[in-house]
């Protein structure tokens, strides 16, 4: 059976939402964000002291959050201070809210 595959174009907000979702797709990253919300900022070493993970693992999670721009870092040699990127966090909230709200009136699966 042949299926016709259609090319789907994604707009910028769809791609941004997917990037945020990917960054949030791990419980440790969510916990890091919750910690940052309470502390306003922290150093990598602070997170290593709190989470039962290796420094390299914490750094990898920070890298994923930073790649999505959900956090930002300020270099204070030899340390990096991290905080939530408030502008991008607001955008993430808006995109997720729009995404979930758009489904509310259209969920009519009748299986």
PDB file of N, CA and C in Angstrom:
ATOM      1  N   UNK A   1       0.836  -1.175   0.000  1.00  0.00           N
ATOM      2  CA  UNK A   1       0.000   0.000   0.000  1.00  0.00           C
ATOM      3  C   UNK A   1       0.885   1.244   0.000  1.00  0.00           C
ATOM      4  N   UNK A   2       0.714   2.078  -0.989  1.00  0.00           N
ATOM      5  CA  UNK A   2       1.497   3.301  -1.081  1.00  0.00           C
ATOM      6  C   UNK A   2       0.851   4.400  -0.244  1.00  0.00           C
ATOM      7  N   UNK A   3       1.668   5.063   0.474  1.00  0.00           N
ATOM      8  CA  UNK A   3       1.210   6.220   1.230  1.00  0.00           C
ATOM      9  C   UNK A   3       1.894   7.444   0.677  1.00  0.00           C
ATOM     10  N   UNK A   4       1.114   8.449   0.475  1.00  0.00           N
ATOM     11  CA  UNK A   4       1.670   9.702   0.002  1.00  0.00           C
ATOM     12  C   UNK A   4       2.162  10.495   1.220  1.00  0.00           C
ATOM     13  N   UNK A   5       3.429  10.745   1.254  1.00  0.00           N
ATOM     14  CA  UNK A   5       3.996  11.524   2.346  1.00  0.00           C
ATOM     15  C   UNK A   5       4.001  12.987   1.959  1.00  0.00           C
ATOM     16  N   UNK A   6       3.441  13.776   2.821  1.00  0.00           N
ATOM     17  CA  UNK A   6       3.382  15.206   2.558  1.00  0.00           C
ATOM     18  C   UNK A   6       4.509  15.902   3.300  1.00  0.00           C
ATOM     19  N   UNK A   7       5.006  16.917   2.687  1.00  0.00           N
ATOM     20  CA  UNK A   7       6.027  17.741   3.323  1.00  0.00           C
ATOM     21  C   UNK A   7       5.340  18.740   4.243  1.00  0.00           C
ATOM     22  N   UNK A   8       5.721  18.726   5.493  1.00  0.00           N
ATOM     23  CA  UNK A   8       5.112  19.624   6.467  1.00  0.00           C
ATOM     24  C   UNK A   8       6.094  20.741   6.795  1.00  0.00           C
ATOM     25  N   UNK A   9       5.625  21.944   6.693  1.00  0.00           N
ATOM     26  CA  UNK A   9       6.431  23.110   7.053  1.00  0.00           C
ATOM     27  C   UNK A   9       6.105  23.498   8.491  1.00  0.00           C
ATOM     28  N   UNK A  10       7.119  23.707   9.297  1.00  0.00           N
ATOM     29  CA  UNK A  10       6.920  24.123  10.672  1.00  0.00           C
ATOM     30  C   UNK A  10       7.223  25.610  10.788  1.00  0.00           C
ATOM     31  N   UNK A  11       6.371  26.317  11.497  1.00  0.00           N
ATOM     32  CA  UNK A  11       6.660  27.728  11.697  1.00  0.00           C
ATOM     33  C   UNK A  11       7.623  27.884  12.872  1.00  0.00           C
ATOM     34  N   UNK A  12       8.093  29.077  13.068  1.00  0.00           N
ATOM     35  CA  UNK A  12       9.110  29.344  14.086  1.00  0.00           C
ATOM     36  C   UNK A  12       8.612  28.995  15.493  1.00  0.00           C
ATOM     37  N   UNK A  13       7.362  29.303  15.789  1.00  0.00           N
ATOM     38  CA  UNK A  13       6.852  29.029  17.133  1.00  0.00           C
ATOM     39  C   UNK A  13       6.728  27.521  17.387  1.00  0.00           C
ATOM     40  N   UNK A  14       6.401  26.745  16.356  1.00  0.00           N
ATOM     41  CA  UNK A  14       6.324  25.293  16.507  1.00  0.00           C
ATOM     42  C   UNK A  14       7.705  24.716  16.799  1.00  0.00           C
ATOM     43  N   UNK A  15       8.706  25.186  16.087  1.00  0.00           N
ATOM     44  CA  UNK A  15      10.075  24.719  16.315  1.00  0.00           C
ATOM     45  C   UNK A  15      10.573  25.129  17.701  1.00  0.00           C
ATOM     46  N   UNK A  16      10.226  26.336  18.131  1.00  0.00           N
ATOM     47  CA  UNK A  16      10.640  26.821  19.449  1.00  0.00           C
ATOM     48  C   UNK A  16       9.965  26.000  20.545  1.00  0.00           C
ATOM     49  N   UNK A  17       8.686  25.705  20.385  1.00  0.00           N
ATOM     50  CA  UNK A  17       7.965  24.891  21.360  1.00  0.00           C
ATOM     51  C   UNK A  17       8.596  23.507  21.479  1.00  0.00           C
ATOM     52  N   UNK A  18       8.947  22.907  20.356  1.00  0.00           N
ATOM     53  CA  UNK A  18       9.589  21.591  20.371  1.00  0.00           C
ATOM     54  C   UNK A  18      10.944  21.647  21.074  1.00  0.00           C
ATOM     55  N   UNK A  19      11.686  22.721  20.868  1.00  0.00           N
ATOM     56  CA  UNK A  19      12.984  22.875  21.535  1.00  0.00           C
ATOM     57  C   UNK A  19      12.800  22.994  23.049  1.00  0.00           C
ATOM     58  N   UNK A  20      11.812  23.761  23.475  1.00  0.00           N
ATOM     59  CA  UNK A  20      11.530  23.876  24.909  1.00  0.00           C
ATOM     60  C   UNK A  20      11.099  22.522  25.480  1.00  0.00           C
ATOM     61  N   UNK A  21      10.226  21.821  24.752  1.00  0.00           N
ATOM     62  CA  UNK A  21       9.738  20.524  25.221  1.00  0.00           C
ATOM     63  C   UNK A  21      10.889  19.529  25.365  1.00  0.00           C
ATOM     64  N   UNK A  22      11.801  19.538  24.419  1.00  0.00           N
ATOM     65  CA  UNK A  22      12.961  18.637  24.486  1.00  0.00           C
ATOM     66  C   UNK A  22      13.810  18.956  25.720  1.00  0.00           C
ATOM     67  N   UNK A  23      14.013  20.234  25.974  1.00  0.00           N
ATOM     68  CA  UNK A  23      14.824  20.634  27.130  1.00  0.00           C
ATOM     69  C   UNK A  23      14.154  20.248  28.444  1.00  0.00           C
ATOM     70  N   UNK A  24      12.839  20.233  28.468  1.00  0.00           N
ATOM     71  CA  UNK A  24      12.097  19.909  29.691  1.00  0.00           C
ATOM     72  C   UNK A  24      11.824  18.408  29.834  1.00  0.00           C
ATOM     73  N   UNK A  25      12.289  17.622  28.890  1.00  0.00           N
ATOM     74  CA  UNK A  25      11.948  16.203  28.839  1.00  0.00           C
ATOM     75  C   UNK A  25      12.790  15.317  29.746  1.00  0.00           C
ATOM     76  N   UNK A  26      13.313  15.865  30.813  1.00  0.00           N
ATOM     77  CA  UNK A  26      14.064  15.050  31.773  1.00  0.00           C
ATOM     78  C   UNK A  26      13.775  15.565  33.177  1.00  0.00           C
ATOM     79  N   UNK A  27      13.491  14.681  34.123  1.00  0.00           N
ATOM     80  CA  UNK A  27      13.153  15.119  35.476  1.00  0.00           C
ATOM     81  C   UNK A  27      14.252  15.949  36.162  1.00  0.00           C
ATOM     82  N   UNK A  28      15.502  15.652  35.866  1.00  0.00           N
ATOM     83  CA  UNK A  28      16.584  16.430  36.481  1.00  0.00           C
ATOM     84  C   UNK A  28      16.562  17.866  35.990  1.00  0.00           C
ATOM     85  N   UNK A  29      16.265  18.075  34.726  1.00  0.00           N
ATOM     86  CA  UNK A  29      16.221  19.444  34.199  1.00  0.00           C
ATOM     87  C   UNK A  29      15.074  20.231  34.819  1.00  0.00           C
ATOM     88  N   UNK A  30      13.961  19.570  35.016  1.00  0.00           N
ATOM     89  CA  UNK A  30      12.834  20.236  35.684  1.00  0.00           C
ATOM     90  C   UNK A  30      13.218  20.579  37.118  1.00  0.00           C
ATOM     91  N   UNK A  31      13.887  19.677  37.790  1.00  0.00           N
ATOM     92  CA  UNK A  31      14.331  19.934  39.163  1.00  0.00           C
ATOM     93  C   UNK A  31      15.343  21.078  39.210  1.00  0.00           C
ATOM     94  N   UNK A  32      16.233  21.139  38.239  1.00  0.00           N
ATOM     95  CA  UNK A  32      17.198  22.244  38.169  1.00  0.00           C
ATOM     96  C   UNK A  32      16.467  23.567  38.004  1.00  0.00           C
ATOM     97  N   UNK A  33      15.482  23.615  37.126  1.00  0.00           N
ATOM     98  CA  UNK A  33      14.714  24.847  36.929  1.00  0.00           C
ATOM     99  C   UNK A  33      13.968  25.247  38.202  1.00  0.00           C
ATOM    100  N   UNK A  34      13.393  24.282  38.893  1.00  0.00           N
ATOM    101  CA  UNK A  34      12.708  24.583  40.156  1.00  0.00           C
ATOM    102  C   UNK A  34      13.690  25.143  41.181  1.00  0.00           C
ATOM    103  N   UNK A  35      14.883  24.566  41.228  1.00  0.00           N
ATOM    104  CA  UNK A  35      15.907  25.057  42.149  1.00  0.00           C
ATOM    105  C   UNK A  35      16.316  26.486  41.786  1.00  0.00           C
ATOM    106  N   UNK A  36      16.533  26.729  40.511  1.00  0.00           N
ATOM    107  CA  UNK A  36      16.914  28.072  40.072  1.00  0.00           C
ATOM    108  C   UNK A  36      15.823  29.097  40.383  1.00  0.00           C
ATOM    109  N   UNK A  37      14.580  28.678  40.269  1.00  0.00           N
ATOM    110  CA  UNK A  37      13.465  29.578  40.576  1.00  0.00           C
ATOM    111  C   UNK A  37      13.521  30.010  42.048  1.00  0.00           C
ATOM    112  N   UNK A  38      13.866  29.077  42.926  1.00  0.00           N
ATOM    113  CA  UNK A  38      13.923  29.371  44.363  1.00  0.00           C
ATOM    114  C   UNK A  38      15.176  30.164  44.750  1.00  0.00           C
ATOM    115  N   UNK A  39      16.276  29.934  44.058  1.00  0.00           N
ATOM    116  CA  UNK A  39      17.552  30.538  44.416  1.00  0.00           C
ATOM    117  C   UNK A  39      17.888  31.785  43.606  1.00  0.00           C
ATOM    118  N   UNK A  40      17.218  32.005  42.539  1.00  0.00           N
ATOM    119  CA  UNK A  40      17.445  33.060  41.552  1.00  0.00           C
ATOM    120  C   UNK A  40      18.691  32.816  40.702  1.00  0.00           C
ATOM    121  N   UNK A  41      19.722  32.227  41.262  1.00  0.00           N
ATOM    122  CA  UNK A  41      20.909  31.850  40.489  1.00  0.00           C
ATOM    123  C   UNK A  41      21.718  30.838  41.286  1.00  0.00           C
ATOM    124  N   UNK A  42      22.633  30.165  40.620  1.00  0.00           N
ATOM    125  CA  UNK A  42      23.513  29.216  41.302  1.00  0.00           C
ATOM    126  C   UNK A  42      24.706  28.893  40.409  1.00  0.00           C
ATOM    127  N   UNK A  43      25.670  28.235  41.004  1.00  0.00           N
ATOM    128  CA  UNK A  43      26.846  27.752  40.289  1.00  0.00           C
ATOM    129  C   UNK A  43      26.698  26.246  40.066  1.00  0.00           C
ATOM    130  N   UNK A  44      27.402  25.705  39.093  1.00  0.00           N
ATOM    131  CA  UNK A  44      27.360  24.279  38.807  1.00  0.00           C
ATOM    132  C   UNK A  44      27.659  23.461  40.062  1.00  0.00           C
ATOM    133  N   UNK A  45      28.642  23.895  40.819  1.00  0.00           N
ATOM    134  CA  UNK A  45      29.017  23.196  42.056  1.00  0.00           C
ATOM    135  C   UNK A  45      27.878  23.110  43.054  1.00  0.00           C
ATOM    136  N   UNK A  46      27.031  24.144  43.101  1.00  0.00           N
ATOM    137  CA  UNK A  46      25.867  24.109  43.987  1.00  0.00           C
ATOM    138  C   UNK A  46      24.951  22.954  43.616  1.00  0.00           C
ATOM    139  N   UNK A  47      24.746  22.760  42.322  1.00  0.00           N
ATOM    140  CA  UNK A  47      23.868  21.694  41.853  1.00  0.00           C
ATOM    141  C   UNK A  47      24.468  20.319  42.110  1.00  0.00           C
ATOM    142  N   UNK A  48      25.785  20.210  41.988  1.00  0.00           N
ATOM    143  CA  UNK A  48      26.467  18.946  42.260  1.00  0.00           C
ATOM    144  C   UNK A  48      26.299  18.573  43.724  1.00  0.00           C
ATOM    145  N   UNK A  49      26.276  19.568  44.601  1.00  0.00           N
ATOM    146  CA  UNK A  49      26.081  19.313  46.029  1.00  0.00           C
ATOM    147  C   UNK A  49      24.654  18.865  46.341  1.00  0.00           C
ATOM    148  N   UNK A  50      23.693  19.293  45.546  1.00  0.00           N
ATOM    149  CA  UNK A  50      22.280  19.018  45.811  1.00  0.00           C
ATOM    150  C   UNK A  50      21.798  17.736  45.149  1.00  0.00           C
ATOM    151  N   UNK A  51      22.182  17.523  43.901  1.00  0.00           N
ATOM    152  CA  UNK A  51      21.717  16.368  43.147  1.00  0.00           C
ATOM    153  C   UNK A  51      22.737  15.229  43.228  1.00  0.00           C
ATOM    154  N   UNK A  52      22.260  13.993  43.350  1.00  0.00           N
ATOM    155  CA  UNK A  52      23.177  12.856  43.448  1.00  0.00           C
ATOM    156  C   UNK A  52      23.697  12.415  42.076  1.00  0.00           C
ATOM    157  N   UNK A  53      24.283  13.372  41.368  1.00  0.00           N
ATOM    158  CA  UNK A  53      24.779  13.108  40.021  1.00  0.00           C
ATOM    159  C   UNK A  53      26.193  13.634  39.876  1.00  0.00           C
ATOM    160  N   UNK A  54      26.908  13.068  38.938  1.00  0.00           N
ATOM    161  CA  UNK A  54      28.271  13.526  38.658  1.00  0.00           C
ATOM    162  C   UNK A  54      28.236  14.933  38.072  1.00  0.00           C
ATOM    163  N   UNK A  55      29.321  15.657  38.266  1.00  0.00           N
ATOM    164  CA  UNK A  55      29.432  17.024  37.743  1.00  0.00           C
ATOM    165  C   UNK A  55      29.243  17.040  36.236  1.00  0.00           C
ATOM    166  N   UNK A  56      29.764  16.041  35.541  1.00  0.00           N
ATOM    167  CA  UNK A  56      29.624  15.995  34.080  1.00  0.00           C
ATOM    168  C   UNK A  56      28.161  15.807  33.668  1.00  0.00           C
ATOM    169  N   UNK A  57      27.408  15.058  34.445  1.00  0.00           N
ATOM    170  CA  UNK A  57      25.981  14.853  34.150  1.00  0.00           C
ATOM    171  C   UNK A  57      25.212  16.150  34.373  1.00  0.00           C
ATOM    172  N   UNK A  58      25.490  16.823  35.476  1.00  0.00           N
ATOM    173  CA  UNK A  58      24.851  18.117  35.752  1.00  0.00           C
ATOM    174  C   UNK A  58      25.179  19.094  34.626  1.00  0.00           C
ATOM    175  N   UNK A  59      26.433  19.125  34.211  1.00  0.00           N
ATOM    176  CA  UNK A  59      26.846  20.026  33.136  1.00  0.00           C
ATOM    177  C   UNK A  59      26.100  19.731  31.836  1.00  0.00           C
ATOM    178  N   UNK A  60      25.870  18.458  31.551  1.00  0.00           N
ATOM    179  CA  UNK A  60      25.137  18.088  30.343  1.00  0.00           C
ATOM    180  C   UNK A  60      23.690  18.581  30.417  1.00  0.00           C
ATOM    181  N   UNK A  61      23.073  18.447  31.572  1.00  0.00           N
ATOM    182  CA  UNK A  61      21.702  18.942  31.736  1.00  0.00           C
ATOM    183  C   UNK A  61      21.660  20.469  31.612  1.00  0.00           C
ATOM    184  N   UNK A  62      22.629  21.148  32.186  1.00  0.00           N
ATOM    185  CA  UNK A  62      22.700  22.603  32.060  1.00  0.00           C
ATOM    186  C   UNK A  62      22.885  23.010  30.598  1.00  0.00           C
ATOM    187  N   UNK A  63      23.688  22.249  29.887  1.00  0.00           N
ATOM    188  CA  UNK A  63      23.921  22.539  28.471  1.00  0.00           C
ATOM    189  C   UNK A  63      22.617  22.440  27.682  1.00  0.00           C
ATOM    190  N   UNK A  64      21.806  21.422  27.952  1.00  0.00           N
ATOM    191  CA  UNK A  64      20.530  21.265  27.254  1.00  0.00           C
ATOM    192  C   UNK A  64      19.587  22.428  27.558  1.00  0.00           C
ATOM    193  N   UNK A  65      19.532  22.842  28.812  1.00  0.00           N
ATOM    194  CA  UNK A  65      18.685  23.972  29.186  1.00  0.00           C
ATOM    195  C   UNK A  65      19.195  25.269  28.573  1.00  0.00           C
ATOM    196  N   UNK A  66      20.506  25.396  28.513  1.00  0.00           N
ATOM    197  CA  UNK A  66      21.109  26.601  27.923  1.00  0.00           C
ATOM    198  C   UNK A  66      20.901  26.628  26.407  1.00  0.00           C
ATOM    199  N   UNK A  67      21.005  25.468  25.753  1.00  0.00           N
ATOM    200  CA  UNK A  67      20.775  25.401  24.302  1.00  0.00           C
ATOM    201  C   UNK A  67      19.361  25.828  23.936  1.00  0.00           C
ATOM    202  N   UNK A  68      18.410  25.577  24.836  1.00  0.00           N
ATOM    203  CA  UNK A  68      17.026  25.995  24.605  1.00  0.00           C
ATOM    204  C   UNK A  68      16.790  27.424  25.090  1.00  0.00           C
ATOM    205  N   UNK A  69      17.826  28.059  25.594  1.00  0.00           N
ATOM    206  CA  UNK A  69      17.753  29.431  26.119  1.00  0.00           C
ATOM    207  C   UNK A  69      16.849  29.570  27.339  1.00  0.00           C
ATOM    208  N   UNK A  70      16.524  28.460  28.010  1.00  0.00           N
ATOM    209  CA  UNK A  70      15.701  28.555  29.208  1.00  0.00           C
ATOM    210  C   UNK A  70      16.504  29.051  30.401  1.00  0.00           C
ATOM    211  N   UNK A  71      17.821  28.865  30.329  1.00  0.00           N
ATOM    212  CA  UNK A  71      18.709  29.420  31.355  1.00  0.00           C
ATOM    213  C   UNK A  71      19.820  30.183  30.654  1.00  0.00           C
ATOM    214  N   UNK A  72      20.470  31.028  31.416  1.00  0.00           N
ATOM    215  CA  UNK A  72      21.634  31.747  30.886  1.00  0.00           C
ATOM    216  C   UNK A  72      22.747  31.664  31.915  1.00  0.00           C
ATOM    217  N   UNK A  73      23.959  31.747  31.422  1.00  0.00           N
ATOM    218  CA  UNK A  73      25.116  31.637  32.292  1.00  0.00           C
ATOM    219  C   UNK A  73      26.010  32.850  32.181  1.00  0.00           C
ATOM    220  N   UNK A  74      26.616  33.179  33.308  1.00  0.00           N
ATOM    221  CA  UNK A  74      27.567  34.287  33.362  1.00  0.00           C
ATOM    222  C   UNK A  74      28.890  33.726  33.855  1.00  0.00           C
ATOM    223  N   UNK A  75      29.923  33.916  33.077  1.00  0.00           N
ATOM    224  CA  UNK A  75      31.229  33.373  33.422  1.00  0.00           C
ATOM    225  C   UNK A  75      31.884  34.212  34.508  1.00  0.00           C
ATOM    226  N   UNK A  76      32.168  33.556  35.618  1.00  0.00           N
ATOM    227  CA  UNK A  76      32.930  34.135  36.726  1.00  0.00           C
ATOM    228  C   UNK A  76      34.083  33.173  36.993  1.00  0.00           C
ATOM    229  N   UNK A  77      35.174  33.265  36.218  1.00  0.00           N
ATOM    230  CA  UNK A  77      36.241  32.263  36.312  1.00  0.00           C
ATOM    231  C   UNK A  77      36.626  31.966  37.755  1.00  0.00           C
ATOM    232  N   UNK A  78      36.753  30.686  38.077  1.00  0.00           N
ATOM    233  CA  UNK A  78      36.623  29.495  37.224  1.00  0.00           C
ATOM    234  C   UNK A  78      35.202  28.924  37.199  1.00  0.00           C
ATOM    235  N   UNK A  79      34.217  29.685  37.633  1.00  0.00           N
ATOM    236  CA  UNK A  79      32.850  29.179  37.737  1.00  0.00           C
ATOM    237  C   UNK A  79      31.920  29.861  36.734  1.00  0.00           C
ATOM    238  N   UNK A  80      30.768  29.216  36.526  1.00  0.00           N
ATOM    239  CA  UNK A  80      29.699  29.811  35.720  1.00  0.00           C
ATOM    240  C   UNK A  80      28.463  29.909  36.610  1.00  0.00           C
ATOM    241  N   UNK A  81      27.897  31.099  36.654  1.00  0.00           N
ATOM    242  CA  UNK A  81      26.688  31.325  37.437  1.00  0.00           C
ATOM    243  C   UNK A  81      25.495  31.232  36.492  1.00  0.00           C
ATOM    244  N   UNK A  82      24.499  30.431  36.858  1.00  0.00           N
ATOM    245  CA  UNK A  82      23.316  30.210  36.025  1.00  0.00           C
ATOM    246  C   UNK A  82      22.077  30.822  36.655  1.00  0.00           C
ATOM    247  N   UNK A  83      21.181  31.280  35.791  1.00  0.00           N
ATOM    248  CA  UNK A  83      19.871  31.749  36.234  1.00  0.00           C
ATOM    249  C   UNK A  83      18.870  31.501  35.112  1.00  0.00           C
ATOM    250  N   UNK A  84      17.592  31.595  35.445  1.00  0.00           N
ATOM    251  CA  UNK A  84      16.543  31.399  34.441  1.00  0.00           C
ATOM    252  C   UNK A  84      16.514  32.615  33.521  1.00  0.00           C
ATOM    253  N   UNK A  85      16.441  32.355  32.230  1.00  0.00           N
ATOM    254  CA  UNK A  85      16.314  33.412  31.234  1.00  0.00           C
ATOM    255  C   UNK A  85      14.829  33.811  31.214  1.00  0.00           C
ATOM    256  N   UNK A  86      14.509  34.891  31.909  1.00  0.00           N
ATOM    257  CA  UNK A  86      13.113  35.266  32.122  1.00  0.00           C
ATOM    258  C   UNK A  86      12.362  35.534  30.814  1.00  0.00           C
ATOM    259  N   UNK A  87      13.021  36.131  29.860  1.00  0.00           N
ATOM    260  CA  UNK A  87      12.366  36.436  28.582  1.00  0.00           C
ATOM    261  C   UNK A  87      11.968  35.146  27.858  1.00  0.00           C
ATOM    262  N   UNK A  88      12.880  34.189  27.786  1.00  0.00           N
ATOM    263  CA  UNK A  88      12.588  32.926  27.106  1.00  0.00           C
ATOM    264  C   UNK A  88      11.615  32.073  27.914  1.00  0.00           C
ATOM    265  N   UNK A  89      11.692  32.166  29.256  1.00  0.00           N
ATOM    266  CA  UNK A  89      10.775  31.421  30.093  1.00  0.00           C
ATOM    267  C   UNK A  89       9.346  31.901  29.840  1.00  0.00           C
ATOM    268  N   UNK A  90       9.167  33.219  29.705  1.00  0.00           N
ATOM    269  CA  UNK A  90       7.856  33.785  29.405  1.00  0.00           C
ATOM    270  C   UNK A  90       7.359  33.296  28.049  1.00  0.00           C
ATOM    271  N   UNK A  91       8.248  33.254  27.063  1.00  0.00           N
ATOM    272  CA  UNK A  91       7.881  32.752  25.747  1.00  0.00           C
ATOM    273  C   UNK A  91       7.462  31.288  25.830  1.00  0.00           C
ATOM    274  N   UNK A  92       8.201  30.486  26.574  1.00  0.00           N
ATOM    275  CA  UNK A  92       7.867  29.069  26.736  1.00  0.00           C
ATOM    276  C   UNK A  92       6.481  28.919  27.349  1.00  0.00           C
ATOM    277  N   UNK A  93       6.190  29.698  28.369  1.00  0.00           N
ATOM    278  CA  UNK A  93       4.871  29.649  28.999  1.00  0.00           C
ATOM    279  C   UNK A  93       3.774  29.980  27.992  1.00  0.00           C
ATOM    280  N   UNK A  94       3.980  31.020  27.210  1.00  0.00           N
ATOM    281  CA  UNK A  94       2.984  31.425  26.217  1.00  0.00           C
ATOM    282  C   UNK A  94       2.770  30.344  25.153  1.00  0.00           C
ATOM    283  N   UNK A  95       3.863  29.773  24.656  1.00  0.00           N
ATOM    284  CA  UNK A  95       3.751  28.756  23.613  1.00  0.00           C
ATOM    285  C   UNK A  95       3.067  27.494  24.122  1.00  0.00           C
ATOM    286  N   UNK A  96       3.436  27.040  25.325  1.00  0.00           N
ATOM    287  CA  UNK A  96       2.788  25.856  25.888  1.00  0.00           C
ATOM    288  C   UNK A  96       1.316  26.137  26.169  1.00  0.00           C
ATOM    289  N   UNK A  97       1.025  27.295  26.704  1.00  0.00           N
ATOM    290  CA  UNK A  97      -0.360  27.654  26.990  1.00  0.00           C
ATOM    291  C   UNK A  97      -1.188  27.670  25.704  1.00  0.00           C
ATOM    292  N   UNK A  98      -0.673  28.296  24.662  1.00  0.00           N
ATOM    293  CA  UNK A  98      -1.375  28.341  23.378  1.00  0.00           C
ATOM    294  C   UNK A  98      -1.584  26.931  22.813  1.00  0.00           C
ATOM    295  N   UNK A  99      -0.551  26.106  22.918  1.00  0.00           N
ATOM    296  CA  UNK A  99      -0.618  24.741  22.395  1.00  0.00           C
ATOM    297  C   UNK A  99      -1.715  23.945  23.097  1.00  0.00           C
ATOM    298  N   UNK A 100      -1.700  23.933  24.435  1.00  0.00           N
ATOM    299  CA  UNK A 100      -2.679  23.144  25.177  1.00  0.00           C
ATOM    300  C   UNK A 100      -4.084  23.733  25.073  1.00  0.00           C
ATOM    301  N   UNK A 101      -4.196  25.039  25.065  1.00  0.00           N
ATOM    302  CA  UNK A 101      -5.493  25.687  24.953  1.00  0.00           C
ATOM    303  C   UNK A 101      -6.143  25.392  23.605  1.00  0.00           C
ATOM    304  N   UNK A 102      -5.349  25.294  22.564  1.00  0.00           N
ATOM    305  CA  UNK A 102      -5.893  25.048  21.222  1.00  0.00           C
ATOM    306  C   UNK A 102      -6.568  23.687  21.110  1.00  0.00           C
ATOM    307  N   UNK A 103      -6.241  22.752  21.983  1.00  0.00           N
ATOM    308  CA  UNK A 103      -6.827  21.417  21.948  1.00  0.00           C
ATOM    309  C   UNK A 103      -8.126  21.325  22.731  1.00  0.00           C
ATOM    310  N   UNK A 104      -8.357  22.221  23.669  1.00  0.00           N
ATOM    311  CA  UNK A 104      -9.505  22.115  24.569  1.00  0.00           C
ATOM    312  C   UNK A 104     -10.840  21.981  23.860  1.00  0.00           C
ATOM    313  N   UNK A 105     -11.065  22.723  22.810  1.00  0.00           N
ATOM    314  CA  UNK A 105     -12.360  22.683  22.139  1.00  0.00           C
ATOM    315  C   UNK A 105     -12.406  21.689  20.981  1.00  0.00           C
ATOM    316  N   UNK A 106     -11.291  21.014  20.706  1.00  0.00           N
ATOM    317  CA  UNK A 106     -11.257  20.162  19.533  1.00  0.00           C
ATOM    318  C   UNK A 106     -11.026  18.677  19.866  1.00  0.00           C
ATOM    319  N   UNK A 107     -11.069  18.320  21.120  1.00  0.00           N
ATOM    320  CA  UNK A 107     -10.855  16.925  21.490  1.00  0.00           C
ATOM    321  C   UNK A 107     -12.193  16.179  21.392  1.00  0.00           C
ATOM    322  N   UNK A 108     -12.369  15.461  20.312  1.00  0.00           N
ATOM    323  CA  UNK A 108     -13.620  14.742  20.121  1.00  0.00           C
ATOM    324  C   UNK A 108     -13.406  13.333  19.575  1.00  0.00           C
ATOM    325  N   UNK A 109     -12.379  12.673  20.042  1.00  0.00           N
ATOM    326  CA  UNK A 109     -12.084  11.302  19.625  1.00  0.00           C
ATOM    327  C   UNK A 109     -13.181  10.379  20.153  1.00  0.00           C
ATOM    328  N   UNK A 110     -13.691   9.536  19.295  1.00  0.00           N
ATOM    329  CA  UNK A 110     -14.804   8.647  19.683  1.00  0.00           C
ATOM    330  C   UNK A 110     -14.423   7.197  19.421  1.00  0.00           C
ATOM    331  N   UNK A 111     -13.398   6.765  20.079  1.00  0.00           N
ATOM    332  CA  UNK A 111     -12.975   5.360  19.920  1.00  0.00           C
ATOM    333  C   UNK A 111     -13.716   4.517  20.926  1.00  0.00           C
TER     334      UNK A 111
END
